[in-house]
Amino acid sequence: MINELPVGVEVTSTGIFLRRKNNSDIEKYFVHHPISTIFEQDML
């Protein structure tokens, strides 16, 4: 069902961002994922 595959994946303290290749200005889409909380706890 996913037509656009993300070019890059960035993991930050706020969550996981996917950069799509169709957007020239490289917008970041926030993906809600349980693993983001794990990274937050790890950084603390």
PDB file of N, CA and C in Angstrom:
ATOM      1  N   MET A   1       0.830  -1.207   0.000  1.00  0.00           N
ATOM      2  CA  MET A   1       0.000   0.000   0.000  1.00  0.00           C
ATOM      3  C   MET A   1       0.869   1.265   0.000  1.00  0.00           C
ATOM      4  N   ILE A   2       2.150   1.084   0.290  1.00  0.00           N
ATOM      5  CA  ILE A   2       3.030   2.246   0.338  1.00  0.00           C
ATOM      6  C   ILE A   2       3.632   2.468  -1.038  1.00  0.00           C
ATOM      7  N   ASN A   3       3.278   3.579  -1.674  1.00  0.00           N
ATOM      8  CA  ASN A   3       3.771   3.855  -3.024  1.00  0.00           C
ATOM      9  C   ASN A   3       5.146   4.513  -2.985  1.00  0.00           C
ATOM     10  N   GLU A   4       5.367   5.352  -1.965  1.00  0.00           N
ATOM     11  CA  GLU A   4       6.621   6.090  -1.893  1.00  0.00           C
ATOM     12  C   GLU A   4       7.503   5.516  -0.792  1.00  0.00           C
ATOM     13  N   LEU A   5       8.676   5.068  -1.171  1.00  0.00           N
ATOM     14  CA  LEU A   5       9.603   4.549  -0.170  1.00  0.00           C
ATOM     15  C   LEU A   5      10.484   5.683   0.324  1.00  0.00           C
ATOM     16  N   PRO A   6      10.761   5.726   1.607  1.00  0.00           N
ATOM     17  CA  PRO A   6      11.595   6.782   2.173  1.00  0.00           C
ATOM     18  C   PRO A   6      13.037   6.679   1.699  1.00  0.00           C
ATOM     19  N   VAL A   7      13.643   7.822   1.461  1.00  0.00           N
ATOM     20  CA  VAL A   7      15.035   7.843   1.028  1.00  0.00           C
ATOM     21  C   VAL A   7      15.955   7.631   2.223  1.00  0.00           C
ATOM     22  N   GLY A   8      15.677   8.364   3.283  1.00  0.00           N
ATOM     23  CA  GLY A   8      16.521   8.269   4.473  1.00  0.00           C
ATOM     24  C   GLY A   8      15.672   8.218   5.725  1.00  0.00           C
ATOM     25  N   VAL A   9      16.236   7.659   6.774  1.00  0.00           N
ATOM     26  CA  VAL A   9      15.520   7.580   8.044  1.00  0.00           C
ATOM     27  C   VAL A   9      16.358   8.252   9.117  1.00  0.00           C
ATOM     28  N   GLU A  10      15.751   9.220   9.801  1.00  0.00           N
ATOM     29  CA  GLU A  10      16.473   9.904  10.873  1.00  0.00           C
ATOM     30  C   GLU A  10      15.813   9.579  12.214  1.00  0.00           C
ATOM     31  N   VAL A  11      16.625   9.170  13.160  1.00  0.00           N
ATOM     32  CA  VAL A  11      16.094   8.879  14.496  1.00  0.00           C
ATOM     33  C   VAL A  11      16.544   9.980  15.446  1.00  0.00           C
ATOM     34  N   THR A  12      15.574  10.745  15.940  1.00  0.00           N
ATOM     35  CA  THR A  12      15.911  11.840  16.849  1.00  0.00           C
ATOM     36  C   THR A  12      15.236  11.603  18.195  1.00  0.00           C
ATOM     37  N   SER A  13      15.423  12.519  19.112  1.00  0.00           N
ATOM     38  CA  SER A  13      14.838  12.363  20.446  1.00  0.00           C
ATOM     39  C   SER A  13      13.321  12.507  20.406  1.00  0.00           C
ATOM     40  N   THR A  14      12.819  13.168  19.351  1.00  0.00           N
ATOM     41  CA  THR A  14      11.377  13.374  19.253  1.00  0.00           C
ATOM     42  C   THR A  14      10.685  12.236  18.528  1.00  0.00           C
ATOM     43  N   GLY A  15      11.452  11.426  17.805  1.00  0.00           N
ATOM     44  CA  GLY A  15      10.824  10.317  17.100  1.00  0.00           C
ATOM     45  C   GLY A  15      11.600   9.932  15.858  1.00  0.00           C
ATOM     46  N   ILE A  16      10.928   9.207  14.991  1.00  0.00           N
ATOM     47  CA  ILE A  16      11.573   8.741  13.770  1.00  0.00           C
ATOM     48  C   ILE A  16      11.020   9.508  12.574  1.00  0.00           C
ATOM     49  N   PHE A  17      11.891  10.064  11.761  1.00  0.00           N
ATOM     50  CA  PHE A  17      11.470  10.836  10.601  1.00  0.00           C
ATOM     51  C   PHE A  17      11.847  10.115   9.320  1.00  0.00           C
ATOM     52  N   LEU A  18      10.913  10.131   8.370  1.00  0.00           N
ATOM     53  CA  LEU A  18      11.202   9.520   7.077  1.00  0.00           C
ATOM     54  C   LEU A  18      11.272  10.620   6.019  1.00  0.00           C
ATOM     55  N   ARG A  19      12.335  10.627   5.228  1.00  0.00           N
ATOM     56  CA  ARG A  19      12.456  11.624   4.162  1.00  0.00           C
ATOM     57  C   ARG A  19      12.055  10.974   2.844  1.00  0.00           C
ATOM     58  N   ARG A  20      11.024  11.538   2.204  1.00  0.00           N
ATOM     59  CA  ARG A  20      10.541  10.965   0.953  1.00  0.00           C
ATOM     60  C   ARG A  20      11.235  11.599  -0.243  1.00  0.00           C
ATOM     61  N   LYS A  21      11.410  10.793  -1.278  1.00  0.00           N
ATOM     62  CA  LYS A  21      12.193  11.243  -2.428  1.00  0.00           C
ATOM     63  C   LYS A  21      11.384  12.141  -3.363  1.00  0.00           C
ATOM     64  N   ASN A  22      10.046  12.064  -3.298  1.00  0.00           N
ATOM     65  CA  ASN A  22       9.213  12.856  -4.206  1.00  0.00           C
ATOM     66  C   ASN A  22       9.167  14.336  -3.824  1.00  0.00           C
ATOM     67  N   ASN A  23       9.548  14.647  -2.595  1.00  0.00           N
ATOM     68  CA  ASN A  23       9.509  16.046  -2.159  1.00  0.00           C
ATOM     69  C   ASN A  23      10.873  16.690  -2.360  1.00  0.00           C
ATOM     70  N   SER A  24      10.906  17.748  -3.154  1.00  0.00           N
ATOM     71  CA  SER A  24      12.177  18.396  -3.463  1.00  0.00           C
ATOM     72  C   SER A  24      12.725  19.143  -2.238  1.00  0.00           C
ATOM     73  N   ASP A  25      11.818  19.657  -1.382  1.00  0.00           N
ATOM     74  CA  ASP A  25      12.275  20.418  -0.230  1.00  0.00           C
ATOM     75  C   ASP A  25      12.516  19.519   0.975  1.00  0.00           C
ATOM     76  N   ILE A  26      12.495  18.201   0.746  1.00  0.00           N
ATOM     77  CA  ILE A  26      12.765  17.207   1.787  1.00  0.00           C
ATOM     78  C   ILE A  26      12.024  17.508   3.084  1.00  0.00           C
ATOM     79  N   GLU A  27      10.732  17.227   3.070  1.00  0.00           N
ATOM     80  CA  GLU A  27       9.969  17.392   4.298  1.00  0.00           C
ATOM     81  C   GLU A  27      10.155  16.161   5.159  1.00  0.00           C
ATOM     82  N   LYS A  28      10.049  16.350   6.453  1.00  0.00           N
ATOM     83  CA  LYS A  28      10.222  15.226   7.351  1.00  0.00           C
ATOM     84  C   LYS A  28       8.856  14.820   7.907  1.00  0.00           C
ATOM     85  N   TYR A  29       8.558  13.551   7.758  1.00  0.00           N
ATOM     86  CA  TYR A  29       7.285  13.051   8.248  1.00  0.00           C
ATOM     87  C   TYR A  29       7.505  12.282   9.533  1.00  0.00           C
ATOM     88  N   PHE A  30       6.749  12.675  10.564  1.00  0.00           N
ATOM     89  CA  PHE A  30       6.900  12.011  11.853  1.00  0.00           C
ATOM     90  C   PHE A  30       6.159  10.685  11.843  1.00  0.00           C
ATOM     91  N   VAL A  31       6.849   9.645  12.215  1.00  0.00           N
ATOM     92  CA  VAL A  31       6.237   8.327  12.288  1.00  0.00           C
ATOM     93  C   VAL A  31       6.169   7.904  13.741  1.00  0.00           C
ATOM     94  N   HIS A  32       4.949   7.732  14.236  1.00  0.00           N
ATOM     95  CA  HIS A  32       4.775   7.338  15.633  1.00  0.00           C
ATOM     96  C   HIS A  32       5.129   5.865  15.768  1.00  0.00           C
ATOM     97  N   HIS A  33       6.155   5.601  16.553  1.00  0.00           N
ATOM     98  CA  HIS A  33       6.599   4.224  16.711  1.00  0.00           C
ATOM     99  C   HIS A  33       7.070   4.025  18.153  1.00  0.00           C
ATOM    100  N   PRO A  34       6.726   2.906  18.748  1.00  0.00           N
ATOM    101  CA  PRO A  34       7.098   2.624  20.144  1.00  0.00           C
ATOM    102  C   PRO A  34       8.613   2.685  20.366  1.00  0.00           C
ATOM    103  N   ILE A  35       9.384   2.421  19.301  1.00  0.00           N
ATOM    104  CA  ILE A  35      10.843   2.383  19.453  1.00  0.00           C
ATOM    105  C   ILE A  35      11.396   3.767  19.746  1.00  0.00           C
ATOM    106  N   SER A  36      10.640   4.812  19.412  1.00  0.00           N
ATOM    107  CA  SER A  36      11.108   6.177  19.661  1.00  0.00           C
ATOM    108  C   SER A  36      11.239   6.431  21.163  1.00  0.00           C
ATOM    109  N   THR A  37      10.346   5.835  21.941  1.00  0.00           N
ATOM    110  CA  THR A  37      10.409   6.020  23.394  1.00  0.00           C
ATOM    111  C   THR A  37      11.631   5.305  23.963  1.00  0.00           C
ATOM    112  N   ILE A  38      12.016   4.227  23.306  1.00  0.00           N
ATOM    113  CA  ILE A  38      13.197   3.493  23.751  1.00  0.00           C
ATOM    114  C   ILE A  38      14.446   4.340  23.556  1.00  0.00           C
ATOM    115  N   PHE A  39      14.499   5.041  22.410  1.00  0.00           N
ATOM    116  CA  PHE A  39      15.643   5.904  22.144  1.00  0.00           C
ATOM    117  C   PHE A  39      15.672   7.082  23.113  1.00  0.00           C
ATOM    118  N   GLU A  40      14.494   7.591  23.466  1.00  0.00           N
ATOM    119  CA  GLU A  40      14.440   8.713  24.407  1.00  0.00           C
ATOM    120  C   GLU A  40      14.988   8.285  25.761  1.00  0.00           C
ATOM    121  N   GLN A  41      14.578   7.115  26.221  1.00  0.00           N
ATOM    122  CA  GLN A  41      15.042   6.623  27.522  1.00  0.00           C
ATOM    123  C   GLN A  41      16.539   6.351  27.481  1.00  0.00           C
ATOM    124  N   ASP A  42      17.031   5.936  26.302  1.00  0.00           N
ATOM    125  CA  ASP A  42      18.444   5.634  26.159  1.00  0.00           C
ATOM    126  C   ASP A  42      19.279   6.909  26.220  1.00  0.00           C
ATOM    127  N   MET A  43      18.744   8.007  25.669  1.00  0.00           N
ATOM    128  CA  MET A  43      19.489   9.261  25.645  1.00  0.00           C
ATOM    129  C   MET A  43      19.508   9.922  27.020  1.00  0.00           C
ATOM    130  N   LEU A  44      18.456   9.680  27.812  1.00  0.00           N
ATOM    131  CA  LEU A  44      18.414  10.255  29.142  1.00  0.00           C
ATOM    132  C   LEU A  44      19.437   9.557  30.030  1.00  0.00           C
TER     133      LEU A  44
END
